[in-house]
N, C-alpha and C. Protein backbone atom coordinates (compact mmCIF):
# COMPACT_ATOMS: atom_id res chain seq x y z
N MET A 1 0.84 -1.18 0.00
CA MET A 1 0.00 0.00 0.00
C MET A 1 0.89 1.25 0.00
N ARG A 2 0.51 2.21 -0.80
CA ARG A 2 1.25 3.47 -0.88
C ARG A 2 1.00 4.34 0.35
N THR A 3 1.95 5.23 0.62
CA THR A 3 1.81 6.15 1.73
C THR A 3 1.73 7.58 1.21
N LYS A 4 1.26 8.48 2.06
CA LYS A 4 1.23 9.90 1.69
C LYS A 4 2.63 10.42 1.42
N GLU A 5 3.59 9.93 2.19
CA GLU A 5 4.98 10.36 2.00
C GLU A 5 5.49 9.98 0.62
N GLU A 6 5.10 8.79 0.13
CA GLU A 6 5.49 8.39 -1.22
C GLU A 6 4.86 9.31 -2.27
N TYR A 7 3.63 9.72 -2.01
CA TYR A 7 2.99 10.66 -2.94
C TYR A 7 3.76 11.98 -2.99
N ILE A 8 4.18 12.45 -1.83
CA ILE A 8 4.91 13.72 -1.77
C ILE A 8 6.29 13.59 -2.41
N SER A 9 7.00 12.52 -2.09
CA SER A 9 8.40 12.40 -2.52
C SER A 9 8.58 11.83 -3.91
N SER A 10 7.64 11.00 -4.38
CA SER A 10 7.89 10.39 -5.69
C SER A 10 6.71 10.37 -6.65
N ILE A 11 5.51 10.09 -6.21
CA ILE A 11 4.40 9.90 -7.15
C ILE A 11 3.97 11.22 -7.79
N ILE A 12 3.69 12.24 -6.98
CA ILE A 12 3.30 13.53 -7.54
C ILE A 12 4.46 14.13 -8.35
N PRO A 13 5.71 14.10 -7.85
CA PRO A 13 6.82 14.59 -8.69
C PRO A 13 6.94 13.83 -10.02
N HIS A 14 6.73 12.51 -9.99
CA HIS A 14 6.79 11.73 -11.24
C HIS A 14 5.70 12.18 -12.20
N ARG A 15 4.48 12.31 -11.71
CA ARG A 15 3.37 12.74 -12.57
C ARG A 15 3.64 14.13 -13.15
N LEU A 16 4.13 15.03 -12.30
CA LEU A 16 4.45 16.38 -12.76
C LEU A 16 5.58 16.34 -13.79
N GLY A 17 6.55 15.48 -13.57
CA GLY A 17 7.65 15.32 -14.52
C GLY A 17 7.17 14.84 -15.88
N MET A 18 6.19 13.95 -15.89
CA MET A 18 5.64 13.47 -17.17
C MET A 18 4.92 14.60 -17.91
N VAL A 19 4.23 15.46 -17.16
CA VAL A 19 3.59 16.63 -17.78
C VAL A 19 4.66 17.58 -18.31
N ASP A 20 5.74 17.77 -17.55
CA ASP A 20 6.85 18.62 -18.01
C ASP A 20 7.49 18.07 -19.28
N ILE A 21 7.66 16.76 -19.35
CA ILE A 21 8.24 16.14 -20.54
C ILE A 21 7.32 16.36 -21.74
N MET A 22 6.01 16.21 -21.53
CA MET A 22 5.06 16.49 -22.60
C MET A 22 5.21 17.93 -23.09
N HIS A 23 5.31 18.86 -22.14
CA HIS A 23 5.47 20.27 -22.48
C HIS A 23 6.74 20.48 -23.31
N PHE A 24 7.83 19.89 -22.87
CA PHE A 24 9.11 19.98 -23.59
C PHE A 24 8.96 19.45 -25.01
N VAL A 25 8.33 18.29 -25.16
CA VAL A 25 8.16 17.67 -26.47
C VAL A 25 7.28 18.54 -27.37
N LEU A 26 6.19 19.06 -26.82
CA LEU A 26 5.32 19.94 -27.61
C LEU A 26 6.08 21.16 -28.09
N ASP A 27 6.83 21.78 -27.20
CA ASP A 27 7.60 22.99 -27.54
C ASP A 27 8.76 22.71 -28.49
N THR A 28 9.50 21.66 -28.22
CA THR A 28 10.76 21.43 -28.91
C THR A 28 10.63 20.58 -30.16
N LEU A 29 9.86 19.51 -30.07
CA LEU A 29 9.81 18.58 -31.20
C LEU A 29 8.62 18.81 -32.12
N ILE A 30 7.53 19.30 -31.60
CA ILE A 30 6.33 19.43 -32.43
C ILE A 30 6.18 20.85 -32.96
N PHE A 31 6.16 21.84 -32.08
CA PHE A 31 5.95 23.22 -32.53
C PHE A 31 7.11 23.74 -33.36
N GLU A 32 8.34 23.47 -32.94
CA GLU A 32 9.50 24.06 -33.59
C GLU A 32 9.98 23.29 -34.81
N GLU A 33 9.96 21.98 -34.75
CA GLU A 33 10.67 21.22 -35.77
C GLU A 33 9.81 20.27 -36.59
N GLY A 34 8.71 19.79 -36.08
CA GLY A 34 8.01 18.72 -36.77
C GLY A 34 8.81 17.43 -36.61
N SER A 35 8.47 16.41 -37.35
CA SER A 35 9.16 15.13 -37.24
C SER A 35 10.50 15.19 -37.97
N LYS A 36 11.55 14.88 -37.25
CA LYS A 36 12.92 14.93 -37.77
C LYS A 36 13.63 13.62 -37.41
N PRO A 37 14.74 13.31 -38.11
CA PRO A 37 15.52 12.13 -37.74
C PRO A 37 15.97 12.23 -36.27
N PHE A 38 16.06 11.08 -35.64
CA PHE A 38 16.31 11.02 -34.20
C PHE A 38 17.26 9.86 -33.91
N GLU A 39 18.22 10.11 -33.02
CA GLU A 39 19.11 9.06 -32.54
C GLU A 39 19.22 9.18 -31.03
N LEU A 40 19.18 8.05 -30.35
CA LEU A 40 19.30 8.03 -28.90
C LEU A 40 20.59 7.31 -28.54
N PHE A 41 21.43 8.04 -27.79
CA PHE A 41 22.70 7.48 -27.34
C PHE A 41 22.63 7.27 -25.83
N VAL A 42 23.14 6.15 -25.37
CA VAL A 42 23.26 5.87 -23.94
C VAL A 42 24.73 5.59 -23.68
N GLU A 43 25.33 6.40 -22.80
CA GLU A 43 26.75 6.29 -22.50
C GLU A 43 27.60 6.28 -23.77
N GLY A 44 27.24 7.16 -24.70
CA GLY A 44 28.01 7.32 -25.92
C GLY A 44 27.75 6.28 -27.00
N LYS A 45 26.84 5.33 -26.76
CA LYS A 45 26.57 4.29 -27.74
C LYS A 45 25.17 4.47 -28.32
N LEU A 46 25.08 4.40 -29.65
CA LEU A 46 23.80 4.51 -30.33
C LEU A 46 22.91 3.33 -29.97
N LYS A 47 21.74 3.62 -29.42
CA LYS A 47 20.80 2.56 -29.02
C LYS A 47 19.55 2.53 -29.89
N VAL A 48 19.11 3.70 -30.38
CA VAL A 48 17.87 3.78 -31.15
C VAL A 48 18.04 4.79 -32.27
N ARG A 49 17.52 4.45 -33.43
CA ARG A 49 17.49 5.39 -34.56
C ARG A 49 16.06 5.38 -35.10
N GLY A 50 15.52 6.56 -35.36
CA GLY A 50 14.17 6.67 -35.91
C GLY A 50 13.87 8.12 -36.21
N ASN A 51 12.63 8.55 -35.91
CA ASN A 51 12.31 9.97 -36.03
C ASN A 51 11.70 10.44 -34.71
N THR A 52 11.56 11.75 -34.58
CA THR A 52 11.13 12.31 -33.30
C THR A 52 9.72 11.88 -32.89
N SER A 53 8.92 11.40 -33.84
CA SER A 53 7.60 10.88 -33.49
C SER A 53 7.72 9.69 -32.53
N PHE A 54 8.83 8.97 -32.63
CA PHE A 54 9.11 7.84 -31.75
C PHE A 54 9.01 8.26 -30.28
N ILE A 55 9.54 9.42 -29.96
CA ILE A 55 9.52 9.95 -28.60
C ILE A 55 8.28 10.80 -28.37
N ALA A 56 7.93 11.62 -29.34
CA ALA A 56 6.87 12.61 -29.15
C ALA A 56 5.52 11.99 -28.84
N ASN A 57 5.10 11.00 -29.60
CA ASN A 57 3.76 10.44 -29.40
C ASN A 57 3.58 9.86 -28.01
N GLY A 58 4.51 9.04 -27.58
CA GLY A 58 4.41 8.43 -26.26
C GLY A 58 4.51 9.45 -25.14
N ALA A 59 5.38 10.43 -25.31
CA ALA A 59 5.54 11.46 -24.27
C ALA A 59 4.28 12.30 -24.13
N VAL A 60 3.65 12.64 -25.24
CA VAL A 60 2.43 13.44 -25.17
C VAL A 60 1.30 12.63 -24.53
N GLU A 61 1.14 11.37 -24.94
CA GLU A 61 0.08 10.55 -24.34
C GLU A 61 0.31 10.32 -22.85
N ALA A 62 1.54 10.03 -22.46
CA ALA A 62 1.84 9.85 -21.03
C ALA A 62 1.60 11.15 -20.26
N GLY A 63 1.96 12.27 -20.86
CA GLY A 63 1.73 13.56 -20.22
C GLY A 63 0.25 13.84 -20.02
N ILE A 64 -0.56 13.51 -21.02
CA ILE A 64 -2.01 13.75 -20.92
C ILE A 64 -2.61 12.92 -19.79
N ILE A 65 -2.28 11.65 -19.72
CA ILE A 65 -2.84 10.79 -18.66
C ILE A 65 -2.40 11.26 -17.28
N ASN A 66 -1.13 11.63 -17.14
CA ASN A 66 -0.65 12.12 -15.84
C ASN A 66 -1.25 13.48 -15.51
N ALA A 67 -1.48 14.31 -16.51
CA ALA A 67 -2.15 15.60 -16.29
C ALA A 67 -3.56 15.39 -15.77
N ARG A 68 -4.26 14.48 -16.39
CA ARG A 68 -5.63 14.15 -15.97
C ARG A 68 -5.64 13.70 -14.50
N ALA A 69 -4.70 12.83 -14.13
CA ALA A 69 -4.63 12.35 -12.75
C ALA A 69 -4.28 13.48 -11.78
N LEU A 70 -3.34 14.34 -12.16
CA LEU A 70 -2.96 15.46 -11.28
C LEU A 70 -4.12 16.43 -11.09
N LEU A 71 -4.83 16.75 -12.16
CA LEU A 71 -5.95 17.68 -12.03
C LEU A 71 -7.05 17.12 -11.14
N GLU A 72 -7.32 15.82 -11.27
CA GLU A 72 -8.31 15.20 -10.38
C GLU A 72 -7.81 15.24 -8.93
N PHE A 73 -6.53 14.93 -8.73
CA PHE A 73 -5.94 15.00 -7.40
C PHE A 73 -6.10 16.40 -6.81
N LEU A 74 -5.87 17.42 -7.64
CA LEU A 74 -5.95 18.81 -7.17
C LEU A 74 -7.39 19.26 -6.92
N GLY A 75 -8.36 18.58 -7.52
CA GLY A 75 -9.77 18.92 -7.27
C GLY A 75 -10.56 19.37 -8.47
N LEU A 76 -10.03 19.15 -9.68
CA LEU A 76 -10.70 19.63 -10.89
C LEU A 76 -11.09 18.48 -11.80
N LYS A 77 -12.18 18.68 -12.53
CA LYS A 77 -12.62 17.71 -13.53
C LYS A 77 -13.26 18.48 -14.67
N VAL A 78 -13.53 17.78 -15.76
CA VAL A 78 -14.22 18.41 -16.88
C VAL A 78 -15.72 18.38 -16.59
N GLU A 79 -16.40 19.45 -16.97
CA GLU A 79 -17.85 19.53 -16.74
C GLU A 79 -18.55 18.49 -17.62
N LYS A 80 -19.47 17.76 -17.03
CA LYS A 80 -20.20 16.73 -17.78
C LYS A 80 -20.95 17.39 -18.94
N GLY A 81 -20.72 16.87 -20.14
CA GLY A 81 -21.42 17.37 -21.31
C GLY A 81 -20.79 18.58 -21.97
N ASN A 82 -19.70 19.12 -21.39
CA ASN A 82 -19.05 20.29 -22.00
C ASN A 82 -17.54 20.14 -21.89
N PRO A 83 -16.88 19.67 -22.96
CA PRO A 83 -15.44 19.40 -22.90
C PRO A 83 -14.57 20.65 -22.88
N TYR A 84 -15.18 21.83 -22.76
CA TYR A 84 -14.42 23.08 -22.74
C TYR A 84 -14.50 23.79 -21.40
N LYS A 85 -15.19 23.19 -20.43
CA LYS A 85 -15.38 23.83 -19.13
C LYS A 85 -14.94 22.90 -18.01
N LEU A 86 -14.41 23.50 -16.96
CA LEU A 86 -14.03 22.76 -15.76
C LEU A 86 -15.16 22.79 -14.75
N SER A 87 -15.14 21.81 -13.87
CA SER A 87 -15.96 21.88 -12.66
C SER A 87 -15.09 21.34 -11.53
N GLU A 88 -15.55 21.57 -10.33
CA GLU A 88 -14.77 21.11 -9.17
C GLU A 88 -15.22 19.71 -8.78
N ARG A 89 -14.23 18.88 -8.49
CA ARG A 89 -14.50 17.50 -8.08
C ARG A 89 -15.27 17.51 -6.78
N ASN A 90 -16.26 16.64 -6.67
CA ASN A 90 -16.98 16.52 -5.40
C ASN A 90 -16.95 15.06 -4.95
N GLY A 91 -16.61 14.86 -3.71
CA GLY A 91 -16.62 13.53 -3.14
C GLY A 91 -15.53 12.61 -3.66
N ARG A 92 -15.70 11.36 -3.31
CA ARG A 92 -14.76 10.30 -3.68
C ARG A 92 -15.52 9.20 -4.40
N ARG A 93 -14.87 8.62 -5.38
CA ARG A 93 -15.47 7.47 -6.05
C ARG A 93 -15.16 6.19 -5.29
N TYR A 94 -13.97 6.12 -4.71
CA TYR A 94 -13.53 4.91 -4.01
C TYR A 94 -12.96 5.30 -2.66
N ASP A 95 -13.05 4.39 -1.71
CA ASP A 95 -12.57 4.66 -0.35
C ASP A 95 -11.08 4.94 -0.29
N ASP A 96 -10.31 4.36 -1.21
CA ASP A 96 -8.86 4.54 -1.16
C ASP A 96 -8.36 5.68 -2.05
N ASP A 97 -9.26 6.50 -2.61
CA ASP A 97 -8.83 7.67 -3.38
C ASP A 97 -8.04 8.61 -2.47
N LEU A 98 -7.00 9.21 -3.03
CA LEU A 98 -6.18 10.17 -2.28
C LEU A 98 -6.17 11.48 -3.04
N PHE A 99 -6.50 12.56 -2.33
CA PHE A 99 -6.61 13.87 -2.94
C PHE A 99 -5.83 14.90 -2.15
N ILE A 100 -5.68 16.07 -2.72
CA ILE A 100 -4.92 17.15 -2.09
C ILE A 100 -5.45 17.46 -0.69
N GLU A 101 -6.75 17.39 -0.51
CA GLU A 101 -7.33 17.73 0.79
C GLU A 101 -7.04 16.68 1.87
N ASP A 102 -6.38 15.58 1.52
CA ASP A 102 -5.96 14.58 2.49
C ASP A 102 -4.59 14.89 3.09
N PHE A 103 -3.98 15.99 2.67
CA PHE A 103 -2.65 16.39 3.13
C PHE A 103 -2.74 17.62 4.02
N GLU A 104 -1.77 17.72 4.95
CA GLU A 104 -1.67 18.91 5.80
C GLU A 104 -0.35 19.60 5.52
N GLY A 105 -0.44 20.93 5.44
CA GLY A 105 0.74 21.73 5.17
C GLY A 105 1.12 22.57 6.37
N THR A 106 1.91 23.57 6.12
CA THR A 106 2.40 24.44 7.19
C THR A 106 1.29 25.24 7.85
N SER A 107 0.18 25.45 7.15
CA SER A 107 -0.95 26.22 7.71
C SER A 107 -2.20 25.37 7.89
N GLY A 108 -2.03 24.06 7.95
CA GLY A 108 -3.18 23.18 8.16
C GLY A 108 -3.53 22.39 6.91
N LYS A 109 -4.74 21.86 6.92
CA LYS A 109 -5.23 20.99 5.85
C LYS A 109 -5.24 21.74 4.51
N LEU A 110 -4.76 21.07 3.46
CA LEU A 110 -4.78 21.67 2.13
C LEU A 110 -6.19 21.63 1.56
N SER A 111 -6.48 22.58 0.69
CA SER A 111 -7.80 22.68 0.07
C SER A 111 -7.73 22.31 -1.40
N LYS A 112 -8.88 21.88 -1.93
CA LYS A 112 -8.97 21.63 -3.36
C LYS A 112 -8.70 22.93 -4.12
N VAL A 113 -8.16 22.79 -5.30
CA VAL A 113 -7.96 23.93 -6.19
C VAL A 113 -9.32 24.29 -6.79
N SER A 114 -9.63 25.57 -6.79
CA SER A 114 -10.90 26.03 -7.36
C SER A 114 -10.68 26.57 -8.77
N ILE A 115 -11.75 26.77 -9.48
CA ILE A 115 -11.65 27.36 -10.81
C ILE A 115 -11.12 28.79 -10.69
N GLU A 116 -11.48 29.49 -9.63
CA GLU A 116 -10.93 30.84 -9.39
C GLU A 116 -9.42 30.78 -9.20
N ASP A 117 -8.93 29.73 -8.53
CA ASP A 117 -7.47 29.55 -8.38
C ASP A 117 -6.80 29.40 -9.75
N VAL A 118 -7.44 28.65 -10.64
CA VAL A 118 -6.92 28.49 -12.01
C VAL A 118 -6.79 29.86 -12.67
N TYR A 119 -7.85 30.65 -12.58
CA TYR A 119 -7.83 31.99 -13.19
C TYR A 119 -6.73 32.87 -12.59
N SER A 120 -6.53 32.74 -11.28
CA SER A 120 -5.59 33.63 -10.60
C SER A 120 -4.14 33.43 -11.04
N LEU A 121 -3.80 32.25 -11.54
CA LEU A 121 -2.41 31.97 -11.92
C LEU A 121 -2.13 32.17 -13.40
N TYR A 122 -3.15 32.38 -14.20
CA TYR A 122 -2.94 32.48 -15.64
C TYR A 122 -2.97 33.93 -16.08
N PRO A 123 -1.91 34.40 -16.75
CA PRO A 123 -1.85 35.81 -17.13
C PRO A 123 -2.73 36.17 -18.33
N GLY A 124 -3.23 35.17 -19.04
CA GLY A 124 -4.05 35.42 -20.22
C GLY A 124 -5.53 35.38 -19.89
N PRO A 125 -6.36 35.23 -20.92
CA PRO A 125 -7.81 35.20 -20.73
C PRO A 125 -8.25 34.01 -19.86
N LYS A 126 -9.19 34.26 -18.95
CA LYS A 126 -9.68 33.22 -18.05
C LYS A 126 -10.20 32.01 -18.82
N GLU A 127 -10.93 32.28 -19.90
CA GLU A 127 -11.52 31.20 -20.68
C GLU A 127 -10.45 30.28 -21.26
N GLU A 128 -9.31 30.85 -21.64
CA GLU A 128 -8.22 30.06 -22.21
C GLU A 128 -7.61 29.14 -21.15
N ALA A 129 -7.45 29.65 -19.94
CA ALA A 129 -6.92 28.84 -18.84
C ALA A 129 -7.85 27.67 -18.57
N GLU A 130 -9.13 27.96 -18.45
CA GLU A 130 -10.11 26.91 -18.15
C GLU A 130 -10.21 25.90 -19.29
N MET A 131 -10.29 26.40 -20.51
CA MET A 131 -10.45 25.50 -21.65
C MET A 131 -9.25 24.58 -21.82
N SER A 132 -8.04 25.08 -21.60
CA SER A 132 -6.86 24.24 -21.78
C SER A 132 -6.86 23.07 -20.81
N LEU A 133 -7.22 23.32 -19.56
CA LEU A 133 -7.26 22.23 -18.57
C LEU A 133 -8.42 21.27 -18.85
N ALA A 134 -9.56 21.82 -19.23
CA ALA A 134 -10.70 20.96 -19.58
C ALA A 134 -10.36 20.08 -20.78
N ARG A 135 -9.68 20.65 -21.77
CA ARG A 135 -9.33 19.89 -22.98
C ARG A 135 -8.40 18.73 -22.66
N ILE A 136 -7.42 18.96 -21.80
CA ILE A 136 -6.47 17.88 -21.52
C ILE A 136 -7.17 16.74 -20.78
N ILE A 137 -8.10 17.06 -19.90
CA ILE A 137 -8.88 16.00 -19.23
C ILE A 137 -9.75 15.28 -20.25
N HIS A 138 -10.44 16.04 -21.09
CA HIS A 138 -11.33 15.46 -22.09
C HIS A 138 -10.58 14.53 -23.03
N ILE A 139 -9.42 14.96 -23.53
CA ILE A 139 -8.63 14.12 -24.43
C ILE A 139 -8.18 12.86 -23.71
N GLY A 140 -7.77 13.00 -22.45
CA GLY A 140 -7.39 11.83 -21.66
C GLY A 140 -8.54 10.85 -21.51
N HIS A 141 -9.73 11.37 -21.21
CA HIS A 141 -10.92 10.52 -21.05
C HIS A 141 -11.33 9.85 -22.36
N LYS A 142 -11.44 10.65 -23.39
CA LYS A 142 -12.13 10.21 -24.60
C LYS A 142 -11.23 9.66 -25.70
N GLU A 143 -9.93 9.72 -25.51
CA GLU A 143 -9.07 9.21 -26.57
C GLU A 143 -7.98 8.27 -26.06
N ILE A 144 -7.45 8.55 -24.88
CA ILE A 144 -6.29 7.77 -24.44
C ILE A 144 -6.66 6.72 -23.40
N ALA A 145 -7.43 7.09 -22.37
CA ALA A 145 -7.74 6.14 -21.30
C ALA A 145 -8.57 4.96 -21.80
N HIS A 146 -9.48 5.22 -22.72
CA HIS A 146 -10.27 4.15 -23.33
C HIS A 146 -10.82 4.65 -24.66
N PRO A 147 -11.02 3.73 -25.61
CA PRO A 147 -11.48 4.16 -26.93
C PRO A 147 -12.96 4.56 -26.92
N THR A 148 -13.24 5.74 -27.47
CA THR A 148 -14.62 6.21 -27.60
C THR A 148 -14.74 6.97 -28.92
N LEU A 149 -15.96 7.29 -29.26
CA LEU A 149 -16.22 8.16 -30.41
C LEU A 149 -16.53 9.57 -29.94
N GLY A 150 -16.37 9.84 -28.64
CA GLY A 150 -16.85 11.08 -28.06
C GLY A 150 -15.88 12.23 -27.98
N ARG A 151 -14.67 12.10 -28.54
CA ARG A 151 -13.73 13.22 -28.44
C ARG A 151 -14.15 14.36 -29.36
N GLU A 152 -14.22 15.54 -28.78
CA GLU A 152 -14.47 16.76 -29.54
C GLU A 152 -13.13 17.23 -30.10
N ASN A 153 -13.00 17.32 -31.41
CA ASN A 153 -11.76 17.76 -32.04
C ASN A 153 -11.75 19.27 -32.23
N THR A 154 -10.59 19.87 -31.99
CA THR A 154 -10.39 21.28 -32.31
C THR A 154 -9.06 21.41 -33.02
N THR A 155 -8.88 22.49 -33.72
CA THR A 155 -7.63 22.68 -34.47
C THR A 155 -6.49 23.16 -33.59
N ASP A 156 -6.80 23.59 -32.39
CA ASP A 156 -5.75 24.16 -31.53
C ASP A 156 -5.42 23.29 -30.32
N ASP A 157 -5.62 21.97 -30.44
CA ASP A 157 -5.36 21.10 -29.29
C ASP A 157 -3.91 21.14 -28.83
N TYR A 158 -2.93 21.19 -29.75
CA TYR A 158 -1.53 21.26 -29.32
C TYR A 158 -1.28 22.51 -28.50
N ALA A 159 -1.81 23.63 -28.92
CA ALA A 159 -1.65 24.87 -28.16
C ALA A 159 -2.32 24.76 -26.80
N MET A 160 -3.49 24.14 -26.76
CA MET A 160 -4.20 23.97 -25.48
C MET A 160 -3.42 23.05 -24.55
N LEU A 161 -2.81 21.99 -25.09
CA LEU A 161 -2.01 21.08 -24.27
C LEU A 161 -0.80 21.80 -23.69
N GLU A 162 -0.18 22.66 -24.48
CA GLU A 162 1.00 23.40 -24.01
C GLU A 162 0.61 24.36 -22.89
N ILE A 163 -0.50 25.06 -23.04
CA ILE A 163 -0.98 25.96 -21.99
C ILE A 163 -1.34 25.16 -20.74
N ALA A 164 -2.01 24.03 -20.94
CA ALA A 164 -2.39 23.18 -19.80
C ALA A 164 -1.16 22.69 -19.04
N ALA A 165 -0.12 22.29 -19.75
CA ALA A 165 1.09 21.79 -19.09
C ALA A 165 1.70 22.86 -18.19
N ARG A 166 1.78 24.09 -18.69
CA ARG A 166 2.30 25.19 -17.86
C ARG A 166 1.39 25.42 -16.66
N GLY A 167 0.09 25.37 -16.88
CA GLY A 167 -0.87 25.60 -15.80
C GLY A 167 -0.82 24.52 -14.73
N ILE A 168 -0.66 23.29 -15.14
CA ILE A 168 -0.61 22.18 -14.18
C ILE A 168 0.62 22.30 -13.29
N ARG A 169 1.76 22.66 -13.87
CA ARG A 169 2.95 22.88 -13.04
C ARG A 169 2.68 24.01 -12.05
N ALA A 170 2.15 25.12 -12.52
CA ALA A 170 1.89 26.27 -11.64
C ALA A 170 0.91 25.90 -10.52
N LEU A 171 -0.15 25.20 -10.86
CA LEU A 171 -1.15 24.81 -9.84
C LEU A 171 -0.56 23.83 -8.83
N THR A 172 0.18 22.83 -9.31
CA THR A 172 0.75 21.82 -8.41
C THR A 172 1.79 22.43 -7.48
N VAL A 173 2.64 23.28 -8.03
CA VAL A 173 3.66 23.93 -7.19
C VAL A 173 3.00 24.86 -6.18
N THR A 174 2.10 25.72 -6.64
CA THR A 174 1.49 26.74 -5.77
C THR A 174 0.60 26.13 -4.69
N PHE A 175 -0.25 25.20 -5.07
CA PHE A 175 -1.26 24.72 -4.14
C PHE A 175 -0.93 23.40 -3.46
N PHE A 176 0.16 22.73 -3.87
CA PHE A 176 0.57 21.50 -3.20
C PHE A 176 1.94 21.67 -2.56
N PHE A 177 2.99 21.77 -3.36
CA PHE A 177 4.34 21.80 -2.79
C PHE A 177 4.58 23.02 -1.91
N THR A 178 4.20 24.20 -2.37
CA THR A 178 4.42 25.41 -1.57
C THR A 178 3.63 25.35 -0.27
N LYS A 179 2.39 24.89 -0.33
CA LYS A 179 1.57 24.82 0.89
C LYS A 179 2.07 23.73 1.84
N LEU A 180 2.76 22.72 1.30
CA LEU A 180 3.38 21.72 2.17
C LEU A 180 4.69 22.24 2.77
N GLY A 181 5.20 23.34 2.22
CA GLY A 181 6.45 23.91 2.71
C GLY A 181 7.68 23.20 2.20
N ILE A 182 7.57 22.56 1.04
CA ILE A 182 8.72 21.85 0.47
C ILE A 182 9.00 22.38 -0.94
N PRO A 183 10.25 22.28 -1.39
CA PRO A 183 10.58 22.78 -2.72
C PRO A 183 9.90 21.95 -3.81
N ALA A 184 9.58 22.61 -4.89
CA ALA A 184 8.98 21.92 -6.04
C ALA A 184 10.03 21.10 -6.76
N PRO A 185 9.63 19.98 -7.36
CA PRO A 185 10.58 19.20 -8.15
C PRO A 185 11.05 19.99 -9.37
N GLN A 186 12.28 19.75 -9.75
CA GLN A 186 12.84 20.42 -10.92
C GLN A 186 12.28 19.80 -12.20
N HIS A 187 12.35 20.56 -13.29
CA HIS A 187 11.98 20.01 -14.60
C HIS A 187 12.92 18.85 -14.92
N PRO A 188 12.41 17.74 -15.45
CA PRO A 188 13.27 16.58 -15.70
C PRO A 188 14.09 16.67 -16.98
N VAL A 189 13.79 17.62 -17.87
CA VAL A 189 14.53 17.74 -19.13
C VAL A 189 14.84 19.20 -19.43
N SER A 190 15.86 19.39 -20.25
CA SER A 190 16.16 20.74 -20.74
C SER A 190 16.61 20.63 -22.18
N ALA A 191 16.43 21.69 -22.93
CA ALA A 191 16.78 21.70 -24.35
C ALA A 191 18.26 21.99 -24.52
N SER A 192 18.80 21.45 -25.58
CA SER A 192 20.19 21.73 -25.96
C SER A 192 20.18 22.36 -27.34
N ASN A 193 20.96 23.39 -27.53
CA ASN A 193 21.07 24.03 -28.84
C ASN A 193 22.21 23.46 -29.66
N ALA A 194 22.83 22.39 -29.17
CA ALA A 194 23.98 21.80 -29.87
C ALA A 194 23.57 21.17 -31.18
């Protein structure tokens, strides 16, 4: 059985890291370059040769699923029947569910993240902040977690995913790690101009 300490020290940082990797891939491999030849070296030895889609597709899908889990943990879900709007999670589906409000920080019990909290951290239009997070949950539900015909397609999903990734880091750091009084995990990847 997992412990709250494991969630603080490894599970939430891992999930956030997967969202960060998705953000990196969207910015670096998809927006800037498109699919390009790719080689992976481990300790100076070539291990894999292909194209950047080899890494990009899996990283984006893993990021979406982990984003969906983090947003639910923080207290947010997509509004039923509207894949562009958020609503606040209410209650528990299972007795062993673990959420942000199950943790205590330096000032007491942590609270669920509200939609107003989402707005407060985003410098752009409120609707864009809300829609980006709702879209990432919707795509996770309707395309990746299980096959359905219910995904609403838009032409700006990559842009929405990129905005959502930045927002999820900001929400998780501000309302979880900072309130616990511990440093936020570092980004797991960085770009090289070499």
